[in-house]
Every structure is written in structure tokens, then in C-alpha cells.
Amino acid sequence: MAVSADSPDLRPDWPLLRQALADVGIAASTRVWTDLDARWDDVDLVLANGAWDNIHRPEEFLAWVGRVADVTLLANAPDVLRWNLDKRYLAALADAGVPTVPTTLMSPGPDPLSETEMEMETETEMEIATAIPLPPGEFVVKPTVSGGGFETARYRSGDRDAEREARLHVRRLLSAGRTAMIQHYQAAVDTHGEVGLIFLGGRYSHAIGKGPLLVAGAGPQSHLYQQEQIGALTASASQLEAAHLALAAAEQLAGPTTYARVDLVSLNDGTPAVLELELLDPALYFETHPAAATRFARVLRAMIP
């Protein structure tokens, strides 16, 4: 499995998967994807979902995907990884009729502001306010290439200071050449959290619940990983329907998947909606459903000639 240099031991479910793979005759190990001396042509299959720091070097990661795919089997497939790296895929899912959290995308322009210009509070601030409309109520700002809460923050409209910080957050992203996304924050997350439905080999496997992560007023996070409250969950019929719809649309757009996690939240009317569709480097939480590691090992065994 490809891993990041600062997290070579992966999550608590890695020993479960490694043992499950051994049980079906596959010897599994980890290699740091950014290690230029690492060999990839001497293995039968490379799993990409441990390369968690890819958001910090997306172009390098995409180049690595191409190199590895040239010499061995890569999962998920290169087209899926490329498509899923940037969360602009949410717009494609919405266009395909998948229920998604309302999201506005803002792309960088040709003349980004300097740090001094971004901090001005007079005419420039008025221009920023005009150029960056904010949704009513609470909302989240983050870059479209992001993960683990990095550069993500929760704000509230109607609070002048919060609105200014939100707009400056967006401008910082745009000035760095990154596409920003503004998502309506769903109040149900504070009470019910998120639901993650995991698919292995294109088939539903298990589900987990995640507690709320974003605290209003905390500002953008500089770290990639956050402590999460995770627990096993039984998905409802409506959640399963939404997740199947999202994965089917993604497979039409990018191709079939070896692993996937569909993260859902409840909209204000109770309808499940896709917050994120994780096809690149999702945690699969086998520690909450140990039998799922065996199911995944069998999926991988069937892929290897």
C-alpha cells in the first residue's frame, strides 16, 4: 500500500487488512509514495488510499499515479483517482441528479491579490464583499483539493467579523491559485453527525457514523488529520439509496471502483445528501467491522492475475 511519509503505519485497521490479505495468500507491505527510491514494478497491486498527503502536492501525486499505472495494477484506477482528487466532482454529481450539499465553487482569476491588499478594510473590502456572496446561515469554506479538515473552516452569515474572515479565507485560497468551495452547513450534523457508507469492489459493505468536527469561529485548520468520533452504524434505506446513486454516477463519469466511501449528511428536510465521495484515500474503518477486511482481501485477491 502507498502511504505518506508522516503516517507510514496507517490507521488501526491496517493490521486487520494485512492479516486478511495473508489469509488469502497475499503478502502486503507499505511504501512511501514520495520515496524516489521506492520500486513499484515488483508488486502485483498498489493500493493508493494511504497516500493522505497528496493534497499538499497534487501535481506530484498525479505524476506518481501515471508512473505506477505504467508498471503495475493500481487501485483505485488512475482515471478514478484523477477525477476524485478535486472536489469539483460534486458539481458533476449534482448535474447527474445525485443529491448533494449545496456548494458554490469559485476559481482563481488572472490577477490574485497580494497579502496587503487582502487585509485592506475600505474599498477593497467592499469589492471583496461584492465579488464573494455568502449563503445565509452557517456555511463552510475550504479548497476543492483538501482532506482531513485542512484549510477548512465554519462561519456564520450575519456576523460582520465572521463574514469578513470568510471572504478573506476565500481570497487567500484564490490568491494561492486554488479553487475555493462554499458549502451550506447542515444543522443536523451537530446532532446526528455524518454517515459514511463503505463500498468494496462496487458492493456495499458497511457504514460508520462520525461526530461533528468543525467548530464555529475556530478558523481554518493547518493540520491534515483530526481526531474523529467514529462508531459502527446501520445505514437507513434512504442513505443506501443516496449512496448507491452517487457511486453509480461516479462510475459512469470516471469508471468502476475497488473501494469507495460515500459521506452523507441530512439536509434540513431530512433528505440524505452527499457531502463528499471519497474514492482516492478514504479510511475504510475495518476496525468497526472486522469482517469487512476479509471481504476486501477477497476483492483484491480476485484482481491479481
Protein backbone atom coordinates (compact mmCIF):
# COMPACT_ATOMS: atom_id res chain seq x y z
CA MET A 1 0.00 0.00 0.00
CA ALA A 2 1.19 3.52 -0.79
CA VAL A 3 1.48 5.66 2.34
CA SER A 4 2.57 9.17 3.29
CA ALA A 5 5.94 9.75 4.93
CA ASP A 6 4.42 11.18 8.11
CA SER A 7 1.87 8.34 8.54
CA PRO A 8 3.66 5.14 7.47
CA ASP A 9 1.72 2.98 9.94
CA LEU A 10 -1.67 3.94 8.56
CA ARG A 11 -4.86 3.58 10.58
CA PRO A 12 -5.75 0.98 13.24
CA ASP A 13 -7.43 -1.14 10.54
CA TRP A 14 -4.18 -1.78 8.64
CA PRO A 15 -3.20 -4.84 10.77
CA LEU A 16 -6.68 -6.28 10.13
CA LEU A 17 -6.33 -5.87 6.37
CA ARG A 18 -2.76 -7.15 6.33
CA GLN A 19 -3.82 -10.31 8.17
CA ALA A 20 -6.86 -10.77 5.94
CA LEU A 21 -4.63 -10.48 2.88
CA ALA A 22 -2.22 -13.02 4.35
CA ASP A 23 -5.15 -15.38 4.86
CA VAL A 24 -5.86 -15.34 1.11
CA GLY A 25 -2.22 -15.73 0.17
CA ILE A 26 -1.19 -12.09 -0.38
CA ALA A 27 1.87 -10.63 1.32
CA ALA A 28 1.18 -6.94 1.97
CA SER A 29 3.54 -4.11 2.90
CA THR A 30 3.67 -0.31 2.81
CA ARG A 31 5.87 2.02 0.79
CA VAL A 32 6.05 5.82 0.94
CA TRP A 33 4.70 7.15 -2.32
CA THR A 34 7.07 10.16 -2.34
CA ASP A 35 10.16 7.98 -1.87
CA LEU A 36 12.01 8.29 -5.17
CA ASP A 37 13.88 5.05 -4.46
CA ALA A 38 10.70 3.02 -3.95
CA ARG A 39 10.08 0.29 -6.53
CA TRP A 40 6.54 -0.33 -7.77
CA ASP A 41 7.19 -2.69 -10.66
CA ASP A 42 7.93 -5.63 -8.36
CA VAL A 43 4.43 -5.85 -6.86
CA ASP A 44 1.18 -7.13 -8.34
CA LEU A 45 -1.10 -4.40 -6.98
CA VAL A 46 -0.72 -0.99 -5.36
CA LEU A 47 -3.45 0.49 -3.17
CA ALA A 48 -3.37 4.29 -3.30
CA ASN A 49 -5.63 5.03 -0.35
CA GLY A 50 -2.85 5.54 2.19
CA ALA A 51 -1.26 8.50 0.36
CA TRP A 52 -3.00 11.03 2.59
CA ASP A 53 -0.67 13.97 1.97
CA ASN A 54 -1.44 14.06 -1.75
CA ILE A 55 -3.40 17.30 -1.27
CA HIS A 56 -0.15 19.14 -0.47
CA ARG A 57 1.46 18.06 -3.75
CA PRO A 58 -1.35 17.21 -6.17
CA GLU A 59 0.68 17.56 -9.37
CA GLU A 60 3.38 15.29 -7.96
CA PHE A 61 0.74 12.79 -6.91
CA LEU A 62 -0.85 12.73 -10.35
CA ALA A 63 2.55 12.17 -11.92
CA TRP A 64 3.12 9.29 -9.48
CA VAL A 65 -0.24 7.79 -10.45
CA GLY A 66 0.83 7.76 -14.07
CA ARG A 67 4.21 6.18 -13.33
CA VAL A 68 2.77 3.43 -11.14
CA ALA A 69 -0.04 2.64 -13.56
CA ASP A 70 2.57 2.14 -16.29
CA VAL A 71 4.27 -0.69 -14.39
CA THR A 72 1.61 -2.41 -12.28
CA LEU A 73 -2.05 -2.54 -11.28
CA LEU A 74 -3.24 0.48 -9.30
CA ALA A 75 -6.38 0.77 -7.19
CA ASN A 76 -8.36 2.76 -7.45
CA ALA A 77 -7.80 3.03 -11.20
CA PRO A 78 -5.89 6.11 -12.44
CA ASP A 79 -8.94 7.76 -14.03
CA VAL A 80 -10.87 7.43 -10.77
CA LEU A 81 -8.02 8.88 -8.70
CA ARG A 82 -7.55 11.82 -11.07
CA TRP A 83 -11.27 12.61 -11.12
CA ASN A 84 -11.65 12.39 -7.35
CA LEU A 85 -8.63 14.48 -6.36
CA ASP A 86 -10.54 17.73 -6.86
CA LYS A 87 -13.92 18.18 -5.15
CA ARG A 88 -15.29 19.92 -8.20
CA TYR A 89 -16.62 16.42 -8.86
CA LEU A 90 -19.54 17.44 -6.60
CA ALA A 91 -20.85 19.67 -9.39
CA ALA A 92 -20.70 16.72 -11.79
CA LEU A 93 -22.61 14.54 -9.32
CA ALA A 94 -25.26 17.23 -8.86
CA ASP A 95 -25.62 17.54 -12.63
CA ALA A 96 -26.14 13.77 -12.75
CA GLY A 97 -29.07 14.07 -10.35
CA VAL A 98 -27.28 12.98 -7.18
CA PRO A 99 -28.50 14.81 -4.03
CA THR A 100 -25.52 16.85 -2.81
CA VAL A 101 -24.93 19.53 -0.18
CA PRO A 102 -25.44 22.93 -1.89
CA THR A 103 -21.98 24.06 -2.99
CA THR A 104 -20.64 27.18 -4.71
CA LEU A 105 -17.29 26.99 -6.50
CA MET A 106 -15.00 29.97 -7.04
CA SER A 107 -11.97 29.70 -9.31
CA PRO A 108 -8.90 31.97 -9.14
CA GLY A 109 -8.73 34.88 -11.54
CA PRO A 110 -5.77 36.11 -13.56
CA ASP A 111 -4.70 38.79 -11.04
CA PRO A 112 -4.66 37.46 -7.45
CA LEU A 113 -4.49 39.97 -4.59
CA SER A 114 -1.39 40.48 -2.51
CA GLU A 115 -1.47 39.90 1.27
CA THR A 116 -1.54 43.67 1.84
CA GLU A 117 -4.49 44.16 -0.49
CA MET A 118 -6.41 41.31 1.14
CA GLU A 119 -6.12 42.94 4.57
CA MET A 120 -7.44 46.36 3.48
CA GLU A 121 -10.74 47.28 5.15
CA THR A 122 -12.01 50.09 2.90
CA GLU A 123 -12.81 49.95 -0.80
CA THR A 124 -11.06 46.62 -1.30
CA GLU A 125 -13.19 45.03 1.40
CA MET A 126 -16.32 46.36 -0.29
CA GLU A 127 -15.14 44.88 -3.57
CA ILE A 128 -14.47 41.55 -1.85
CA ALA A 129 -17.98 41.60 -0.38
CA THR A 130 -19.46 42.14 -3.82
CA ALA A 131 -17.31 39.52 -5.51
CA ILE A 132 -17.82 36.81 -2.88
CA PRO A 133 -21.50 36.39 -2.00
CA LEU A 134 -22.11 34.26 1.07
CA PRO A 135 -25.09 31.98 1.72
CA PRO A 136 -27.47 32.68 4.60
CA GLY A 137 -26.96 30.91 7.91
CA GLU A 138 -23.88 28.82 8.57
CA PHE A 139 -21.50 27.70 5.84
CA VAL A 140 -18.10 26.08 5.32
CA VAL A 141 -15.17 27.35 3.26
CA LYS A 142 -12.42 25.04 2.00
CA PRO A 143 -10.29 24.40 -1.08
CA THR A 144 -11.53 21.87 -3.59
CA VAL A 145 -8.28 19.93 -3.19
CA SER A 146 -8.40 19.21 0.53
CA GLY A 147 -8.78 16.49 3.10
CA GLY A 148 -8.94 15.81 6.81
CA GLY A 149 -10.18 19.30 7.66
CA PHE A 150 -7.12 21.04 6.19
CA GLU A 151 -7.83 24.71 5.32
CA THR A 152 -11.48 24.19 6.27
CA ALA A 153 -13.50 26.49 8.49
CA ARG A 154 -17.09 27.11 9.55
CA TYR A 155 -18.63 30.60 9.51
CA ARG A 156 -21.98 32.31 10.05
CA SER A 157 -23.65 34.96 7.90
CA GLY A 158 -24.97 37.98 9.75
CA ASP A 159 -21.82 38.29 11.85
CA ARG A 160 -19.75 41.06 10.26
CA ASP A 161 -16.42 39.79 11.59
CA ALA A 162 -17.19 36.21 10.59
CA GLU A 163 -18.23 37.29 7.09
CA ARG A 164 -15.02 39.27 6.67
CA GLU A 165 -12.90 36.32 7.83
CA ALA A 166 -14.79 34.01 5.47
CA ARG A 167 -14.21 36.29 2.49
CA LEU A 168 -10.53 36.70 3.36
CA HIS A 169 -10.31 32.91 3.65
CA VAL A 170 -11.71 32.58 0.15
CA ARG A 171 -9.39 35.27 -1.18
CA ARG A 172 -6.34 33.59 0.36
CA LEU A 173 -7.25 30.38 -1.45
CA LEU A 174 -7.84 32.17 -4.74
CA SER A 175 -4.64 34.17 -4.39
CA ALA A 176 -2.74 30.90 -3.97
CA GLY A 177 -4.22 29.70 -7.25
CA ARG A 178 -6.64 27.28 -5.59
CA THR A 179 -10.35 26.83 -6.29
CA ALA A 180 -12.48 27.57 -3.23
CA MET A 181 -15.77 25.98 -2.33
CA ILE A 182 -18.51 27.34 -0.09
CA GLN A 183 -20.94 24.76 1.28
CA HIS A 184 -24.10 25.30 3.30
CA TYR A 185 -23.52 23.88 6.78
CA GLN A 186 -26.28 21.45 7.66
CA ALA A 187 -27.50 21.90 11.24
CA ALA A 188 -28.27 18.17 11.57
CA VAL A 189 -24.52 17.49 11.62
CA ASP A 190 -24.29 18.96 15.13
CA THR A 191 -26.77 16.44 16.48
CA HIS A 192 -26.50 13.45 14.13
CA GLY A 193 -23.03 13.86 12.63
CA GLU A 194 -22.09 12.36 9.28
CA VAL A 195 -22.64 8.89 7.88
CA GLY A 196 -20.01 7.09 5.82
CA LEU A 197 -21.05 4.14 3.65
CA ILE A 198 -18.16 1.95 2.51
CA PHE A 199 -18.24 0.02 -0.77
CA LEU A 200 -15.74 -2.71 -1.62
CA GLY A 201 -15.50 -3.99 -5.17
CA GLY A 202 -18.52 -1.85 -6.06
CA ARG A 203 -20.75 -3.52 -3.45
CA TYR A 204 -21.99 -2.04 -0.19
CA SER A 205 -20.02 -3.39 2.78
CA HIS A 206 -20.64 -1.42 5.99
CA ALA A 207 -21.33 2.00 7.46
CA ILE A 208 -19.91 4.25 10.17
CA GLY A 209 -21.09 7.35 11.96
CA LYS A 210 -18.82 10.36 12.50
CA GLY A 211 -19.36 13.06 15.09
CA PRO A 212 -19.21 16.78 14.14
CA LEU A 213 -15.70 18.12 13.51
CA LEU A 214 -15.98 21.81 12.64
CA VAL A 215 -16.35 24.35 15.43
CA ALA A 216 -17.79 27.74 14.51
CA GLY A 217 -15.22 30.52 14.93
CA ALA A 218 -12.21 28.19 15.06
CA GLY A 219 -10.89 29.40 11.71
CA PRO A 220 -9.06 27.38 9.03
CA GLN A 221 -7.17 24.33 10.27
CA SER A 222 -3.49 23.95 9.38
CA HIS A 223 -3.25 20.24 10.17
CA LEU A 224 -4.27 17.42 7.87
CA TYR A 225 -5.62 14.95 10.41
CA GLN A 226 -8.24 15.40 13.12
CA GLN A 227 -9.38 13.20 15.96
CA GLU A 228 -12.74 11.75 14.96
CA GLN A 229 -15.56 10.18 16.91
CA ILE A 230 -16.24 7.02 14.91
CA GLY A 231 -18.72 4.22 15.53
CA ALA A 232 -20.38 1.37 13.65
CA LEU A 233 -23.76 2.27 12.17
CA THR A 234 -26.63 0.61 10.34
CA ALA A 235 -27.43 2.64 7.24
CA SER A 236 -31.05 3.51 6.53
CA ALA A 237 -32.81 2.67 3.28
CA SER A 238 -32.70 6.32 2.17
CA GLN A 239 -28.98 6.57 2.95
CA LEU A 240 -28.27 3.40 0.98
CA GLU A 241 -30.29 4.73 -1.94
CA ALA A 242 -28.38 8.03 -1.98
CA ALA A 243 -25.01 6.28 -1.70
CA HIS A 244 -25.79 3.82 -4.50
CA LEU A 245 -26.93 6.70 -6.70
CA ALA A 246 -23.70 8.61 -6.04
CA LEU A 247 -21.45 5.65 -6.73
CA ALA A 248 -23.34 4.71 -9.90
CA ALA A 249 -22.95 8.27 -11.20
CA ALA A 250 -19.25 8.30 -10.34
CA GLU A 251 -18.69 5.03 -12.17
CA GLN A 252 -20.39 6.49 -15.24
CA LEU A 253 -18.14 9.56 -15.03
CA ALA A 254 -14.81 8.01 -14.03
CA GLY A 255 -15.06 4.23 -14.02
CA PRO A 256 -15.59 1.35 -11.58
CA THR A 257 -14.09 1.41 -8.10
CA THR A 258 -12.22 -1.05 -5.91
CA TYR A 259 -13.00 0.91 -2.75
CA ALA A 260 -15.22 3.88 -2.01
CA ARG A 261 -16.72 5.79 0.89
CA VAL A 262 -19.80 7.93 0.44
CA ASP A 263 -20.11 10.58 3.16
CA LEU A 264 -23.68 11.76 3.73
CA VAL A 265 -25.35 14.38 5.89
CA SER A 266 -29.02 15.16 6.38
CA LEU A 267 -30.37 18.29 4.75
CA ASN A 268 -32.82 20.45 6.69
CA ASP A 269 -35.73 18.40 5.35
CA GLY A 270 -34.10 15.16 6.43
CA THR A 271 -33.03 14.08 2.94
CA PRO A 272 -29.60 12.39 2.80
CA ALA A 273 -27.16 14.32 0.63
CA VAL A 274 -23.58 13.69 -0.44
CA LEU A 275 -21.05 15.80 1.42
CA GLU A 276 -18.06 14.06 -0.15
CA LEU A 277 -17.46 10.99 -2.27
CA GLU A 278 -14.12 9.51 -1.23
CA LEU A 279 -12.56 7.42 -3.99
CA LEU A 280 -8.94 8.41 -3.53
CA ASP A 281 -7.66 7.95 0.02
CA PRO A 282 -10.59 7.19 2.34
CA ALA A 283 -10.26 5.49 5.68
CA LEU A 284 -12.34 2.32 5.40
CA TYR A 285 -12.78 1.72 9.15
CA PHE A 286 -12.35 -2.03 9.22
CA GLU A 287 -11.84 -1.76 12.97
CA THR A 288 -15.58 -1.09 13.30
CA HIS A 289 -16.50 -4.08 11.09
CA PRO A 290 -13.58 -6.59 11.19
CA ALA A 291 -15.29 -8.99 8.75
CA ALA A 292 -15.08 -6.25 6.10
CA ALA A 293 -11.30 -6.65 5.97
CA THR A 294 -11.83 -10.23 4.81
CA ARG A 295 -14.31 -9.07 2.16
CA PHE A 296 -11.80 -6.51 0.88
CA ALA A 297 -8.99 -9.05 0.83
CA ARG A 298 -11.14 -11.29 -1.38
CA VAL A 299 -11.85 -8.37 -3.72
CA LEU A 300 -8.13 -7.69 -4.05
CA ARG A 301 -7.28 -11.38 -4.47
CA ALA A 302 -9.68 -11.57 -7.42
CA MET A 303 -7.97 -8.62 -9.10
CA ILE A 304 -4.50 -10.16 -9.10
CA PRO A 305 -3.78 -12.47 -12.06
